[in-house]
Amino acid sequence: MINSMIIGSRFSEKNQQFLEEVARLSDKDTQKKIPVKKINKAMELDRTEIKNTLEYLEELGYLEIKTIGGPWLYGHITITTEGLKKAAERQS
């Protein structure tokens, strides 16, 4: 699954934008549960794309899926410390 989400060894622009949006919505708080619905409102992804992105970023250790259910399959996520670092990379 990882190979389908990256080009070469680079983290894709869409994944970076997704992670930056999660960091913004979390107020940089790793304990704050963010509704997937809220993320999708900002990112406008389809159900399959958001599911795959969440699973990919969780596999990399950048976020954690906290609840299951709802129209996007997953209900809430939290960002990890590593996710915050990755989200901030482009801003430094």
C-alpha atoms as a PDB file:
ATOM      1  CA  MET A   1       0.000   0.000   0.000  1.00  0.00           C
ATOM      2  CA  ILE A   2       2.803   2.468   0.768  1.00  0.00           C
ATOM      3  CA  ASN A   3       4.105   2.402  -2.811  1.00  0.00           C
ATOM      4  CA  SER A   4       0.764   3.608  -4.166  1.00  0.00           C
ATOM      5  CA  MET A   5       0.859   6.722  -1.985  1.00  0.00           C
ATOM      6  CA  ILE A   6       4.373   7.996  -2.712  1.00  0.00           C
ATOM      7  CA  ILE A   7       6.260   8.859  -5.844  1.00  0.00           C
ATOM      8  CA  GLY A   8       9.763   7.492  -5.580  1.00  0.00           C
ATOM      9  CA  SER A   9      10.843   8.118  -2.022  1.00  0.00           C
ATOM     10  CA  ARG A  10       9.166  11.535  -1.751  1.00  0.00           C
ATOM     11  CA  PHE A  11       6.208  12.229   0.450  1.00  0.00           C
ATOM     12  CA  SER A  12       3.483  13.488  -1.893  1.00  0.00           C
ATOM     13  CA  GLU A  13       2.246  17.067  -1.938  1.00  0.00           C
ATOM     14  CA  LYS A  14      -1.320  15.925  -1.222  1.00  0.00           C
ATOM     15  CA  ASN A  15      -0.192  13.964   1.851  1.00  0.00           C
ATOM     16  CA  GLN A  16       1.794  16.976   3.065  1.00  0.00           C
ATOM     17  CA  GLN A  17      -1.244  19.247   2.642  1.00  0.00           C
ATOM     18  CA  PHE A  18      -3.432  16.710   4.456  1.00  0.00           C
ATOM     19  CA  LEU A  19      -1.008  16.520   7.373  1.00  0.00           C
ATOM     20  CA  GLU A  20      -0.726  20.319   7.533  1.00  0.00           C
ATOM     21  CA  GLU A  21      -4.531  20.577   7.685  1.00  0.00           C
ATOM     22  CA  VAL A  22      -4.692  17.992  10.484  1.00  0.00           C
ATOM     23  CA  ALA A  23      -1.995  19.913  12.407  1.00  0.00           C
ATOM     24  CA  ARG A  24      -3.953  23.151  11.972  1.00  0.00           C
ATOM     25  CA  LEU A  25      -7.234  21.584  13.118  1.00  0.00           C
ATOM     26  CA  SER A  26      -5.524  19.988  16.111  1.00  0.00           C
ATOM     27  CA  ASP A  27      -4.091  23.307  17.286  1.00  0.00           C
ATOM     28  CA  LYS A  28      -0.858  21.301  17.492  1.00  0.00           C
ATOM     29  CA  ASP A  29      -2.337  19.223  20.332  1.00  0.00           C
ATOM     30  CA  THR A  30      -1.584  15.488  20.013  1.00  0.00           C
ATOM     31  CA  GLN A  31      -4.481  14.643  22.350  1.00  0.00           C
ATOM     32  CA  LYS A  32      -7.168  16.563  20.455  1.00  0.00           C
ATOM     33  CA  LYS A  33      -9.532  14.276  18.541  1.00  0.00           C
ATOM     34  CA  ILE A  34     -10.248  15.708  15.121  1.00  0.00           C
ATOM     35  CA  PRO A  35     -13.438  14.677  13.305  1.00  0.00           C
ATOM     36  CA  VAL A  36     -12.623  13.148   9.918  1.00  0.00           C
ATOM     37  CA  LYS A  37     -15.692  14.958   8.585  1.00  0.00           C
ATOM     38  CA  LYS A  38     -14.018  18.290   9.427  1.00  0.00           C
ATOM     39  CA  ILE A  39     -10.806  17.309   7.635  1.00  0.00           C
ATOM     40  CA  ASN A  40     -12.736  16.221   4.579  1.00  0.00           C
ATOM     41  CA  LYS A  41     -14.662  19.493   4.498  1.00  0.00           C
ATOM     42  CA  ALA A  42     -11.339  21.291   4.035  1.00  0.00           C
ATOM     43  CA  MET A  43      -9.678  18.706   1.751  1.00  0.00           C
ATOM     44  CA  GLU A  44     -12.677  17.590  -0.366  1.00  0.00           C
ATOM     45  CA  LEU A  45     -11.541  14.001  -0.886  1.00  0.00           C
ATOM     46  CA  ASP A  46     -13.735  11.060  -1.781  1.00  0.00           C
ATOM     47  CA  ARG A  47     -14.373   8.270   0.708  1.00  0.00           C
ATOM     48  CA  THR A  48     -11.758   5.890  -0.707  1.00  0.00           C
ATOM     49  CA  GLU A  49      -9.098   8.571  -0.965  1.00  0.00           C
ATOM     50  CA  ILE A  50      -9.567   9.785   2.608  1.00  0.00           C
ATOM     51  CA  LYS A  51      -9.592   6.195   3.918  1.00  0.00           C
ATOM     52  CA  ASN A  52      -6.367   5.363   2.078  1.00  0.00           C
ATOM     53  CA  THR A  53      -4.683   8.602   3.161  1.00  0.00           C
ATOM     54  CA  LEU A  54      -5.596   8.075   6.824  1.00  0.00           C
ATOM     55  CA  GLU A  55      -4.355   4.478   6.786  1.00  0.00           C
ATOM     56  CA  TYR A  56      -1.136   5.476   5.016  1.00  0.00           C
ATOM     57  CA  LEU A  57      -0.358   8.324   7.419  1.00  0.00           C
ATOM     58  CA  GLU A  58      -1.147   6.098  10.398  1.00  0.00           C
ATOM     59  CA  GLU A  59       1.184   3.425   9.009  1.00  0.00           C
ATOM     60  CA  LEU A  60       3.956   6.050   8.852  1.00  0.00           C
ATOM     61  CA  GLY A  61       3.261   7.045  12.458  1.00  0.00           C
ATOM     62  CA  TYR A  62       2.015  10.558  11.659  1.00  0.00           C
ATOM     63  CA  LEU A  63      -1.504  10.128  13.022  1.00  0.00           C
ATOM     64  CA  GLU A  64      -3.657   7.688  14.958  1.00  0.00           C
ATOM     65  CA  ILE A  65      -7.155   6.589  14.053  1.00  0.00           C
ATOM     66  CA  LYS A  66      -9.148   6.868  17.284  1.00  0.00           C
ATOM     67  CA  THR A  67     -12.750   6.018  16.353  1.00  0.00           C
ATOM     68  CA  ILE A  68     -14.387   4.027  13.601  1.00  0.00           C
ATOM     69  CA  GLY A  69     -17.731   4.828  12.037  1.00  0.00           C
ATOM     70  CA  GLY A  70     -19.534   7.570  10.195  1.00  0.00           C
ATOM     71  CA  PRO A  71     -19.751   8.404   6.507  1.00  0.00           C
ATOM     72  CA  TRP A  72     -15.949   8.454   6.039  1.00  0.00           C
ATOM     73  CA  LEU A  73     -15.432   5.035   7.703  1.00  0.00           C
ATOM     74  CA  TYR A  74     -13.283   6.611  10.426  1.00  0.00           C
ATOM     75  CA  GLY A  75     -14.750   9.053  12.943  1.00  0.00           C
ATOM     76  CA  HIS A  76     -11.845  10.790  14.704  1.00  0.00           C
ATOM     77  CA  ILE A  77      -8.055  10.926  14.488  1.00  0.00           C
ATOM     78  CA  THR A  78      -5.229  12.502  16.457  1.00  0.00           C
ATOM     79  CA  ILE A  79      -1.918  13.751  15.122  1.00  0.00           C
ATOM     80  CA  THR A  80       1.293  12.376  16.620  1.00  0.00           C
ATOM     81  CA  THR A  81       4.416  14.283  17.593  1.00  0.00           C
ATOM     82  CA  GLU A  82       6.070  12.907  14.454  1.00  0.00           C
ATOM     83  CA  GLY A  83       3.089  14.098  12.426  1.00  0.00           C
ATOM     84  CA  LEU A  84       3.466  17.603  13.816  1.00  0.00           C
ATOM     85  CA  LYS A  85       7.175  17.584  12.902  1.00  0.00           C
ATOM     86  CA  LYS A  86       6.420  16.395   9.361  1.00  0.00           C
ATOM     87  CA  ALA A  87       3.629  18.988   8.955  1.00  0.00           C
ATOM     88  CA  ALA A  88       6.023  21.762  10.023  1.00  0.00           C
ATOM     89  CA  GLU A  89       8.824  20.745   7.629  1.00  0.00           C
ATOM     90  CA  ARG A  90       7.675  22.932   4.768  1.00  0.00           C
ATOM     91  CA  GLN A  91       7.099  25.900   7.045  1.00  0.00           C
ATOM     92  CA  SER A  92      10.691  25.983   8.331  1.00  0.00           C
END
